[in-house]
Amino acid sequence: MKVNSATAGPAFLRAAILIGVLIPVSGLCEYRITEFRTATLIGTDNPELRSALTENGFLISHGKTISDGLSLIPHNGVNLIYYRGTPDTLGKDKLIEVFDHPHVARINLVVLDVTDGDKAKRRQIQEACKSLGRANAGRHLALVSQSETEEDSLTAILAEWLGKPGADLKGVAQSRAHLKDSMSGTGRKTEVKLRGLAAVSISPPDKIIQGQSAGDQWLAANGEAFVWCPPGKYTMGDARFENAQPIPVKIEAGFWISKYEFLSAGRKNPLEPVSFSSVDEVIELLSKRASPEGWTWDLPTEAEWEYAARAGADSGLPIAEEDMCCYANFADKALFNARKDLRFLPADQDLHDGHSDGFAPVAYYGPNAWGLHDVLGNAGEFCAGFYTEKPSAAVDYRVSNPQARRLPVTRGGSWTTPRKNMHPAFREVPGEVEGVSMRLTGARIVLRRGERLARTFREVWESASP
């Protein structure tokens, strides 16, 4: 499938991303948000549809079969597959393959503009759409045209939806198309809407370059979204934390860092961060990936992580503490009330962040100034290096002897972390809360120039052995 980067959206979208769009949350919060959107057109190049997609920032490509729409699905974004043709060319098996394909898109929208007048064949396609509920935690929507006539073409429905910011596609298509929603019957809200503005990738998915300014975004070929962090200086640490006293830090080289905490398809809740049992698990996973030429998959150093989390703020807390519930999943009032025991006494008794127990879906909360979501709370995030009593810009893997016990370090806190520790400077050793069955630690990955800095325990011990 060939992607036409020229259709990633009009030039004004790049400026609009920096200006942002305000999204109300529960009537209390307002924050800026962007999402990547992709569209694969099969059997059509309708100018009306193409124009509407372009104006809404979709990265448009063309395919030969419906399966081509699976090649680039943005994490926590919107993927649209538009097919126009006969049922015979479509293929029932290929359609089911699309519905069963694991993904981590927020919405995977399959639009079938069937041009054959054979009602029996149309019913077969509609029956195939029942397989929507098999996978991907209810994040599919399928539309099938009601007849082969131009009047029932789905182009007009999509164009109308795209032309109304905040519109629910299900409401627009109601009674005008056969609709199958994989969330039906789950008791969950099923509106199908675009969120905020479209993110604009600075380069095509198969070509990685250095960003031009802080907050530039890049959509990788595997669907992961990244944010550019340029070289710069800042004050690392904060006087309130004994193990994070302030020091000046200079970030010598820019790097790409993932917009969201690490996600993986095929899980029960694929939009929730992956929890890892150890830092080695993350590093081994990254070491098996093919890296873009000249770049390396890695974990951020502590200095890089805090720099990205602060997003240009030199010191202090980038957001007001009273607004924390708009930006982080932490130990809040609901958690205090839900856990009737001493372990959760530190939970906040005034603020409610919307989740009481466990991970929230990524980007449920607002991003920081550079567009990173969930840098505070939700999942603690592994960094390269061992935990030390004092912060450092360097990665520390020193051991006095091969038997020395050293611990990994995490940043950002988790959903069990008290509000007072929701701070970019907060650092800790990963652990679990007694009585809580799920893990608390995830990861946020980077792409950097040069060699991988993060090391497994085995790599460290082998290098320390005589």
Protein backbone atom coordinates (compact mmCIF):
# COMPACT_ATOMS: atom_id res chain seq x y z
CA MET A 1 0.00 0.00 0.00
CA LYS A 2 1.46 3.36 -0.97
CA VAL A 3 0.83 6.34 1.25
CA ASN A 4 0.46 9.77 -0.26
CA SER A 5 1.94 12.10 2.36
CA ALA A 6 0.53 15.10 0.52
CA THR A 7 -2.93 14.11 1.72
CA ALA A 8 -2.04 14.24 5.40
CA GLY A 9 -4.04 17.43 5.77
CA PRO A 10 -3.88 21.11 4.82
CA ALA A 11 -0.98 23.27 5.99
CA PHE A 12 -3.08 25.06 8.59
CA LEU A 13 -3.36 21.84 10.61
CA ARG A 14 0.30 22.01 11.65
CA ALA A 15 -0.25 25.45 13.12
CA ALA A 16 -3.56 24.35 14.59
CA ILE A 17 -1.87 21.56 16.50
CA LEU A 18 0.36 24.07 18.24
CA ILE A 19 -2.63 26.27 19.04
CA GLY A 20 -4.66 23.25 20.08
CA VAL A 21 -8.32 22.63 20.53
CA LEU A 22 -10.13 22.70 23.85
CA ILE A 23 -11.93 19.52 24.80
CA PRO A 24 -14.29 19.63 27.80
CA VAL A 25 -14.03 16.61 30.11
CA SER A 26 -16.89 15.93 32.51
CA GLY A 27 -17.70 19.62 32.27
CA LEU A 28 -14.65 20.49 34.38
CA CYS A 29 -11.47 20.09 32.35
CA GLU A 30 -10.26 21.65 29.15
CA TYR A 31 -7.16 20.46 27.35
CA ARG A 32 -5.52 20.18 23.95
CA ILE A 33 -5.64 16.88 22.11
CA THR A 34 -4.67 15.47 18.70
CA GLU A 35 -5.04 12.02 17.15
CA PHE A 36 -3.70 10.32 14.05
CA ARG A 37 -6.23 9.33 11.40
CA THR A 38 -5.69 7.01 8.44
CA ALA A 39 -7.93 6.09 5.52
CA THR A 40 -7.56 3.40 2.87
CA LEU A 41 -9.71 3.79 -0.25
CA ILE A 42 -10.43 0.68 -2.33
CA GLY A 43 -12.26 0.89 -5.64
CA THR A 44 -12.89 4.62 -5.43
CA ASP A 45 -11.19 7.99 -5.57
CA ASN A 46 -14.33 10.04 -5.10
CA PRO A 47 -13.28 13.73 -4.97
CA GLU A 48 -15.99 14.66 -2.45
CA LEU A 49 -14.90 11.95 -0.04
CA ARG A 50 -11.23 12.63 -0.61
CA SER A 51 -11.72 16.34 0.08
CA ALA A 52 -13.64 15.66 3.29
CA LEU A 53 -10.98 13.23 4.52
CA THR A 54 -8.17 15.64 3.69
CA GLU A 55 -9.85 18.53 5.49
CA ASN A 56 -10.06 16.33 8.59
CA GLY A 57 -6.40 15.40 8.49
CA PHE A 58 -6.66 11.77 7.35
CA LEU A 59 -3.51 10.22 5.91
CA ILE A 60 -4.96 8.75 2.70
CA SER A 61 -3.73 5.68 0.82
CA HIS A 62 -5.17 3.43 -1.86
CA GLY A 63 -5.45 -0.35 -1.76
CA LYS A 64 -6.47 -3.21 -3.99
CA THR A 65 -8.19 -5.39 -1.37
CA ILE A 66 -9.85 -4.64 1.94
CA SER A 67 -6.94 -6.26 3.76
CA ASP A 68 -4.72 -3.38 2.63
CA GLY A 69 -6.52 -1.25 5.19
CA LEU A 70 -4.73 -3.17 7.95
CA SER A 71 -1.21 -2.08 7.01
CA LEU A 72 -1.21 1.21 8.95
CA ILE A 73 -3.55 1.45 11.94
CA PRO A 74 -2.71 4.33 14.30
CA HIS A 75 -2.49 3.63 18.00
CA ASN A 76 -5.41 5.25 19.81
CA GLY A 77 -6.41 6.90 16.55
CA VAL A 78 -9.01 6.40 13.81
CA ASN A 79 -8.63 3.96 10.93
CA LEU A 80 -11.10 4.07 8.03
CA ILE A 81 -11.36 1.39 5.34
CA TYR A 82 -13.65 2.38 2.46
CA TYR A 83 -14.54 -0.29 -0.08
CA ARG A 84 -16.61 0.25 -3.21
CA GLY A 85 -17.27 -2.77 -5.39
CA THR A 86 -19.06 -6.10 -5.64
CA PRO A 87 -19.39 -8.73 -2.87
CA ASP A 88 -17.47 -11.19 -5.03
CA THR A 89 -14.44 -8.90 -5.21
CA LEU A 90 -14.74 -8.06 -1.51
CA GLY A 91 -14.64 -11.64 -0.29
CA LYS A 92 -16.38 -12.77 2.90
CA ASP A 93 -13.23 -14.39 4.28
CA LYS A 94 -11.20 -11.20 3.80
CA LEU A 95 -13.90 -9.21 5.54
CA ILE A 96 -13.84 -11.49 8.59
CA GLU A 97 -10.04 -11.26 8.57
CA VAL A 98 -10.32 -7.49 8.85
CA PHE A 99 -12.77 -7.72 11.74
CA ASP A 100 -10.62 -10.23 13.61
CA HIS A 101 -7.33 -8.45 13.04
CA PRO A 102 -5.92 -7.29 16.44
CA HIS A 103 -5.36 -3.54 16.62
CA VAL A 104 -5.07 -0.70 19.10
CA ALA A 105 -6.99 1.97 17.20
CA ARG A 106 -9.61 3.90 19.10
CA ILE A 107 -11.99 3.27 16.20
CA ASN A 108 -11.65 0.93 13.22
CA LEU A 109 -14.33 1.94 10.73
CA VAL A 110 -15.16 -0.37 7.82
CA VAL A 111 -17.38 1.15 5.13
CA LEU A 112 -18.73 -1.22 2.47
CA ASP A 113 -20.32 0.54 -0.48
CA VAL A 114 -21.58 -2.61 -2.22
CA THR A 115 -22.50 -2.05 -5.87
CA ASP A 116 -24.14 -5.42 -6.63
CA GLY A 117 -27.95 -5.51 -6.66
CA ASP A 118 -28.10 -9.17 -5.60
CA LYS A 119 -29.91 -9.03 -2.25
CA ALA A 120 -28.72 -12.49 -1.20
CA LYS A 121 -25.09 -11.50 -1.61
CA ARG A 122 -25.71 -8.27 0.27
CA ARG A 123 -27.22 -10.25 3.13
CA GLN A 124 -24.11 -12.46 3.21
CA ILE A 125 -21.98 -9.36 3.70
CA GLN A 126 -24.29 -8.15 6.45
CA GLU A 127 -24.08 -11.56 8.13
CA ALA A 128 -20.29 -11.44 7.95
CA CYS A 129 -20.41 -8.18 9.87
CA LYS A 130 -21.73 -10.08 12.88
CA SER A 131 -18.17 -11.23 13.52
CA LEU A 132 -17.39 -7.70 14.67
CA GLY A 133 -17.79 -8.69 18.30
CA ARG A 134 -15.09 -11.35 18.27
CA ALA A 135 -12.06 -9.19 18.95
CA ASN A 136 -10.64 -5.79 19.81
CA ALA A 137 -12.83 -4.95 22.80
CA GLY A 138 -15.66 -3.37 20.86
CA ARG A 139 -13.87 -0.78 18.73
CA HIS A 140 -15.28 -1.67 15.30
CA LEU A 141 -18.05 -0.08 13.33
CA ALA A 142 -19.21 -1.43 9.96
CA LEU A 143 -21.51 0.35 7.52
CA VAL A 144 -23.02 -1.48 4.54
CA SER A 145 -24.95 0.37 1.84
CA GLN A 146 -28.64 -0.51 1.60
CA SER A 147 -28.66 -0.84 -2.18
CA GLU A 148 -26.44 -0.44 -5.22
CA THR A 149 -27.96 2.91 -6.25
CA GLU A 150 -26.09 6.20 -6.10
CA GLU A 151 -28.75 7.49 -3.69
CA ASP A 152 -27.66 4.89 -1.15
CA SER A 153 -23.94 5.42 -1.66
CA LEU A 154 -22.12 5.86 1.65
CA THR A 155 -19.93 8.67 0.31
CA ALA A 156 -22.55 11.29 1.17
CA ILE A 157 -22.98 9.89 4.70
CA LEU A 158 -19.24 10.00 5.40
CA ALA A 159 -18.88 13.48 3.91
CA GLU A 160 -21.76 14.73 6.06
CA TRP A 161 -20.21 13.21 9.21
CA LEU A 162 -16.79 14.65 8.46
CA GLY A 163 -18.33 18.05 7.77
CA LYS A 164 -19.90 18.26 11.23
CA PRO A 165 -17.26 18.52 13.98
CA GLY A 166 -18.30 16.46 16.98
CA ALA A 167 -21.00 14.55 15.10
CA ASP A 168 -21.73 10.91 15.93
CA LEU A 169 -21.43 8.79 12.77
CA LYS A 170 -24.01 6.35 14.09
CA GLY A 171 -26.54 9.15 14.33
CA VAL A 172 -25.74 10.41 10.84
CA ALA A 173 -25.98 6.93 9.30
CA GLN A 174 -29.06 5.82 11.21
CA SER A 175 -31.76 4.45 8.86
CA ARG A 176 -29.57 5.29 5.84
CA ALA A 177 -27.25 2.26 5.99
CA HIS A 178 -26.98 -1.18 7.54
CA LEU A 179 -24.94 -0.58 10.69
CA LYS A 180 -23.12 -3.09 12.87
CA ASP A 181 -21.50 -1.85 16.06
CA SER A 182 -19.30 -4.27 18.01
CA MET A 183 -20.06 -2.33 21.20
CA SER A 184 -23.80 -2.94 20.99
CA GLY A 185 -25.10 -4.74 24.03
CA THR A 186 -22.00 -4.00 26.12
CA GLY A 187 -23.68 -1.24 28.09
CA ARG A 188 -20.92 1.16 27.04
CA LYS A 189 -21.38 4.48 25.29
CA THR A 190 -21.04 3.87 21.59
CA GLU A 191 -20.73 7.26 19.94
CA VAL A 192 -18.35 7.32 16.96
CA LYS A 193 -16.72 10.74 16.88
CA LEU A 194 -13.44 12.33 15.90
CA ARG A 195 -11.54 13.73 18.90
CA GLY A 196 -9.84 17.12 18.82
CA LEU A 197 -7.66 17.87 15.83
CA ALA A 198 -5.83 15.53 13.48
CA ALA A 199 -2.18 14.98 14.31
CA VAL A 200 0.16 15.66 11.39
CA SER A 201 3.13 13.36 10.83
CA ILE A 202 6.30 15.29 10.05
CA SER A 203 7.35 12.59 7.57
CA PRO A 204 5.85 9.46 5.97
CA PRO A 205 5.61 6.36 8.19
CA ASP A 206 8.47 4.63 6.37
CA LYS A 207 10.84 7.58 6.75
CA ILE A 208 12.04 8.89 10.10
CA ILE A 209 13.76 12.26 10.35
CA GLN A 210 14.71 14.60 13.15
CA GLY A 211 11.90 16.85 14.32
CA GLN A 212 12.02 20.55 13.63
CA SER A 213 10.57 21.76 16.93
CA ALA A 214 9.30 20.46 20.27
CA GLY A 215 5.99 18.64 19.93
CA ASP A 216 6.40 17.60 16.28
CA GLN A 217 4.75 14.23 15.74
CA TRP A 218 5.57 11.18 13.67
CA LEU A 219 3.40 8.16 12.90
CA ALA A 220 5.58 5.06 12.63
CA ALA A 221 4.86 2.24 10.18
CA ASN A 222 3.66 0.02 13.04
CA GLY A 223 1.06 2.61 14.05
CA GLU A 224 2.86 3.97 17.12
CA ALA A 225 2.77 7.73 17.59
CA PHE A 226 5.88 9.66 18.60
CA VAL A 227 6.63 13.19 19.80
CA TRP A 228 9.88 15.06 19.16
CA CYS A 229 11.96 16.30 22.09
CA PRO A 230 14.70 18.70 20.89
CA PRO A 231 18.06 19.33 22.59
CA GLY A 232 17.80 21.69 25.54
CA LYS A 233 18.59 22.55 29.15
CA TYR A 234 16.46 22.31 32.28
CA THR A 235 16.61 21.79 36.03
CA MET A 236 16.16 18.10 36.86
CA GLY A 237 14.61 17.21 40.20
CA ASP A 238 12.74 19.18 42.85
CA ALA A 239 13.66 20.18 46.40
CA ARG A 240 10.50 18.55 47.80
CA PHE A 241 11.91 15.06 47.09
CA GLU A 242 14.91 13.91 49.12
CA ASN A 243 16.04 11.55 46.35
CA ALA A 244 15.58 14.13 43.57
CA GLN A 245 17.39 17.29 44.64
CA PRO A 246 17.71 19.76 41.72
CA ILE A 247 20.63 19.57 39.31
CA PRO A 248 21.22 21.33 35.97
CA VAL A 249 20.92 19.02 32.95
CA LYS A 250 21.68 19.48 29.28
CA ILE A 251 20.02 17.20 26.72
CA GLU A 252 22.65 17.03 23.99
CA ALA A 253 20.65 15.21 21.30
CA GLY A 254 16.99 15.29 20.35
CA PHE A 255 14.94 12.09 20.46
CA TRP A 256 11.51 10.71 19.62
CA ILE A 257 9.39 9.52 22.57
CA SER A 258 6.11 7.64 22.38
CA LYS A 259 3.01 9.77 22.73
CA TYR A 260 1.26 7.07 24.74
CA GLU A 261 2.32 4.47 27.26
CA PHE A 262 3.23 1.19 25.57
CA LEU A 263 0.24 -0.60 24.00
CA SER A 264 -0.20 -4.03 22.48
CA ALA A 265 -2.96 -5.54 20.35
CA GLY A 266 -4.78 -8.76 21.11
CA ARG A 267 -5.41 -8.05 24.79
CA LYS A 268 -8.72 -7.75 26.64
CA ASN A 269 -8.27 -3.98 27.01
CA PRO A 270 -5.78 -3.06 24.27
CA LEU A 271 -6.08 0.70 24.90
CA GLU A 272 -4.84 0.30 28.46
CA PRO A 273 -1.07 0.34 29.00
CA VAL A 274 0.79 -2.95 28.96
CA SER A 275 2.04 -3.91 32.43
CA PHE A 276 5.50 -5.47 32.59
CA SER A 277 6.85 -7.77 35.28
CA SER A 278 10.41 -6.51 34.85
CA VAL A 279 12.45 -3.96 32.95
CA ASP A 280 14.22 -6.85 31.21
CA GLU A 281 10.91 -7.80 29.61
CA VAL A 282 10.70 -4.39 27.95
CA ILE A 283 14.33 -4.30 26.83
CA GLU A 284 14.18 -7.79 25.34
CA LEU A 285 11.03 -6.84 23.45
CA LEU A 286 12.71 -3.74 22.01
CA SER A 287 15.91 -5.60 21.12
CA LYS A 288 13.91 -7.88 18.80
CA ARG A 289 12.48 -4.97 16.81
CA ALA A 290 13.98 -3.89 13.51
CA SER A 291 15.17 -0.32 14.01
CA PRO A 292 14.98 2.41 11.36
CA GLU A 293 18.40 3.00 9.81
CA GLY A 294 20.53 5.15 12.11
CA TRP A 295 18.07 4.93 15.01
CA THR A 296 17.62 2.61 17.98
CA TRP A 297 14.60 1.52 20.02
CA ASP A 298 15.28 2.17 23.68
CA LEU A 299 13.97 3.24 27.07
CA PRO A 300 14.45 6.89 27.98
CA THR A 301 17.09 7.86 30.48
CA GLU A 302 15.75 9.48 33.65
CA ALA A 303 16.97 12.84 32.37
CA GLU A 304 15.22 12.37 29.02
CA TRP A 305 12.03 11.15 30.67
CA GLU A 306 11.77 14.13 33.02
CA TYR A 307 12.69 16.56 30.23
CA ALA A 308 9.85 15.18 28.08
CA ALA A 309 7.42 15.14 31.01
CA ARG A 310 8.16 18.78 31.86
CA ALA A 311 7.70 19.77 28.21
CA GLY A 312 9.68 22.99 28.42
CA ALA A 313 8.98 23.84 32.06
CA ASP A 314 12.38 24.38 33.72
CA SER A 315 11.27 23.74 37.29
CA GLY A 316 8.27 23.27 39.54
CA LEU A 317 5.04 21.47 38.67
CA PRO A 318 3.92 22.13 35.06
CA ILE A 319 0.22 22.07 36.06
CA ALA A 320 -1.70 23.27 39.11
CA GLU A 321 -2.21 20.57 41.74
CA GLU A 322 -5.94 21.27 41.89
CA ASP A 323 -6.14 20.43 38.16
CA MET A 324 -4.36 17.09 38.54
CA CYS A 325 -7.55 15.08 38.05
CA CYS A 326 -7.69 16.40 34.48
CA TYR A 327 -4.23 15.08 33.62
CA ALA A 328 -3.48 11.97 35.69
CA ASN A 329 -4.90 8.72 37.01
CA PHE A 330 -3.71 8.70 40.63
CA ALA A 331 -4.82 7.57 44.11
CA ASP A 332 -7.99 9.66 44.27
CA LYS A 333 -11.19 9.87 46.32
CA ALA A 334 -12.84 6.99 44.47
CA LEU A 335 -9.86 4.74 45.19
CA PHE A 336 -9.92 5.80 48.85
CA ASN A 337 -13.60 4.87 49.05
CA ALA A 338 -13.24 1.63 47.10
CA ARG A 339 -10.35 0.26 49.15
CA LYS A 340 -11.57 0.10 52.75
CA ASP A 341 -8.20 -0.58 54.34
CA LEU A 342 -5.04 1.15 55.56
CA ARG A 343 -3.08 0.63 52.34
CA PHE A 344 -5.07 3.36 50.59
CA LEU A 345 -5.25 5.95 53.36
CA PRO A 346 -2.80 8.19 51.40
CA ALA A 347 -5.35 8.38 48.56
CA ASP A 348 -6.78 11.84 47.97
CA GLN A 349 -10.11 12.39 49.72
CA ASP A 350 -11.14 15.48 47.73
CA LEU A 351 -10.39 14.93 44.03
CA HIS A 352 -11.88 12.30 41.71
CA ASP A 353 -9.99 11.61 38.48
CA GLY A 354 -12.65 9.39 36.87
CA HIS A 355 -11.07 6.00 37.64
CA SER A 356 -11.06 4.26 41.00
CA ASP A 357 -9.21 1.03 40.42
CA GLY A 358 -6.69 0.09 37.75
CA PHE A 359 -5.31 1.52 34.53
CA ALA A 360 -7.31 4.04 32.53
CA PRO A 361 -7.25 3.91 28.71
CA VAL A 362 -4.36 5.96 27.34
CA ALA A 363 -5.23 9.58 26.56
CA TYR A 364 -8.29 9.46 28.81
CA TYR A 365 -6.62 12.47 30.43
CA GLY A 366 -5.15 15.59 28.92
CA PRO A 367 -1.63 15.76 27.42
CA ASN A 368 1.27 17.93 28.52
CA ALA A 369 2.43 20.94 26.50
CA TRP A 370 4.31 18.76 24.00
CA GLY A 371 1.40 16.36 23.49
CA LEU A 372 2.43 13.42 25.70
CA HIS A 373 -0.37 11.67 27.57
CA ASP A 374 -0.22 10.01 30.99
CA VAL A 375 3.31 11.04 31.93
CA LEU A 376 1.95 11.32 35.46
CA GLY A 377 -0.01 8.45 37.01
CA ASN A 378 -1.73 5.51 35.32
CA ALA A 379 1.34 3.26 34.87
CA GLY A 380 4.77 3.82 36.37
CA GLU A 381 7.30 3.95 33.52
CA PHE A 382 10.64 2.15 33.40
CA CYS A 383 13.75 4.16 32.55
CA ALA A 384 17.25 3.10 31.54
CA GLY A 385 19.70 2.64 34.40
CA PHE A 386 19.59 1.53 38.02
CA TYR A 387 17.94 3.44 40.83
CA THR A 388 20.37 5.74 42.66
CA GLU A 389 19.92 7.86 45.77
CA LYS A 390 20.54 11.02 43.74
CA PRO A 391 19.37 11.89 40.22
CA SER A 392 21.89 12.02 37.40
CA ALA A 393 21.92 12.93 33.73
CA ALA A 394 24.00 9.80 33.09
CA VAL A 395 22.75 6.23 32.93
CA ASP A 396 24.13 4.34 35.92
CA TYR A 397 24.72 0.61 35.53
CA ARG A 398 27.73 0.43 37.85
CA VAL A 399 27.99 -2.59 40.12
CA SER A 400 30.63 -3.21 42.78
CA ASN A 401 30.63 -6.93 42.05
CA PRO A 402 28.61 -9.40 39.95
CA GLN A 403 26.54 -10.38 43.00
CA ALA A 404 25.56 -6.80 43.86
CA ARG A 405 21.80 -6.24 43.93
CA ARG A 406 20.65 -3.18 42.03
CA LEU A 407 17.07 -2.14 41.27
CA PRO A 408 15.42 -0.56 38.23
CA VAL A 409 13.94 2.92 38.40
CA THR A 410 10.51 4.13 37.35
CA ARG A 411 9.07 7.58 36.79
CA GLY A 412 5.65 9.22 36.80
CA GLY A 413 3.91 7.18 39.48
CA SER A 414 0.90 4.93 38.91
CA TRP A 415 -2.83 4.84 39.65
CA THR A 416 -1.95 3.97 43.27
CA THR A 417 0.39 6.96 43.75
CA PRO A 418 -0.80 9.81 46.03
CA ARG A 419 -1.40 13.22 44.50
CA LYS A 420 1.57 14.74 46.36
CA ASN A 421 3.87 12.55 44.27
CA MET A 422 2.26 13.42 40.93
CA HIS A 423 5.32 15.36 39.81
CA PRO A 424 7.87 15.01 36.94
CA ALA A 425 10.69 14.79 39.50
CA PHE A 426 9.18 11.88 41.47
CA ARG A 427 11.30 8.75 41.19
CA GLU A 428 10.96 5.35 42.79
CA VAL A 429 11.75 1.67 42.62
CA PRO A 430 8.91 -0.30 40.99
CA GLY A 431 6.77 -2.33 43.31
CA GLU A 432 3.27 -3.66 43.85
CA VAL A 433 0.67 -2.66 46.39
CA GLU A 434 -0.26 -5.49 48.71
CA GLY A 435 -3.70 -6.83 47.86
CA VAL A 436 -3.65 -5.39 44.32
CA SER A 437 -3.45 -8.23 41.81
CA MET A 438 -2.53 -6.22 38.72
CA ARG A 439 0.89 -4.85 37.97
CA LEU A 440 1.59 -1.15 38.20
CA THR A 441 4.52 -0.58 35.83
CA GLY A 442 4.53 0.01 32.08
CA ALA A 443 6.87 1.77 29.68
CA ARG A 444 7.23 4.66 27.29
CA ILE A 445 9.75 3.98 24.54
CA VAL A 446 12.10 6.23 22.59
CA LEU A 447 13.89 6.25 19.26
CA ARG A 448 17.37 7.69 19.55
CA ARG A 449 20.49 8.06 17.43
CA GLY A 450 23.27 5.71 18.41
CA GLU A 451 23.34 2.55 20.50
CA ARG A 452 20.80 1.27 22.98
CA LEU A 453 21.47 2.57 26.49
CA ALA A 454 19.08 0.34 28.47
CA ARG A 455 20.57 -2.97 29.57
CA THR A 456 19.07 -6.20 30.87
CA PHE A 457 20.32 -7.47 34.22
CA ARG A 458 22.10 -10.28 32.40
CA GLU A 459 23.93 -7.82 30.15
CA VAL A 460 25.00 -5.81 33.20
CA TRP A 461 26.24 -8.84 35.14
CA GLU A 462 28.11 -10.21 32.13
CA SER A 463 29.88 -6.90 31.58
CA ALA A 464 30.81 -6.72 35.29
CA SER A 465 32.20 -10.25 35.44
CA PRO A 466 36.00 -10.60 35.15
